Amino acid sequence: MNTDDFELSEELLRELTQLDDQIKTDNRKEEIRKKRAEGGKLGGRPKIENSKKKQVNVKLSENEYLQISKVAGSYGMTLPDFIRRRSLDVPLRDGKRNEILLEYRTNFKRISNIFRKDIWTESEKNELKTELEEVIKLIKKNIC
């Protein structure tokens, strides 16, 4: 084997190494492309099945618009969401009521934690339980 053959084989080896690197790079790019195709163009948030595709335009007088906007704002809702909920008889969010209900939930959790402690006798627990049931009945009766 002469030196020309040796140089040729080194050059061939270099080219084969570059070709191998190029193939690996192309394979990595193809894997990334497939992953992106599975999750959408850029991945991210999945598509909503029940997306809103129809649009309805309604003309309102200035006074009507202001009244509806004011009521929607009082519920902390956007105008379209408010109109959609009212039209479909979906209950409206009531921020003040939700705050009160959250307070009640917290207080009932505290009461249940007190019940778990061993500082109560069975008769005391039953008495408190009866009082709580009465309060719950009153709350249910007065909730609109």
Foldseek 3Di string as FASTA:
>chain_A
DDVVVVVVVVVVVVVVVVVVVVVVVVVVVVVVCVVCVVQDVNRDDHDDPPDDDDDDDDDDDPVVVVVLCVVCVQLVHDSVVSVVCVVVVNDGHHVVVVVVVVVVVVVVVVVVVVVPDPPDDPVRSVVVVVVVVVVVVVVVVPDD
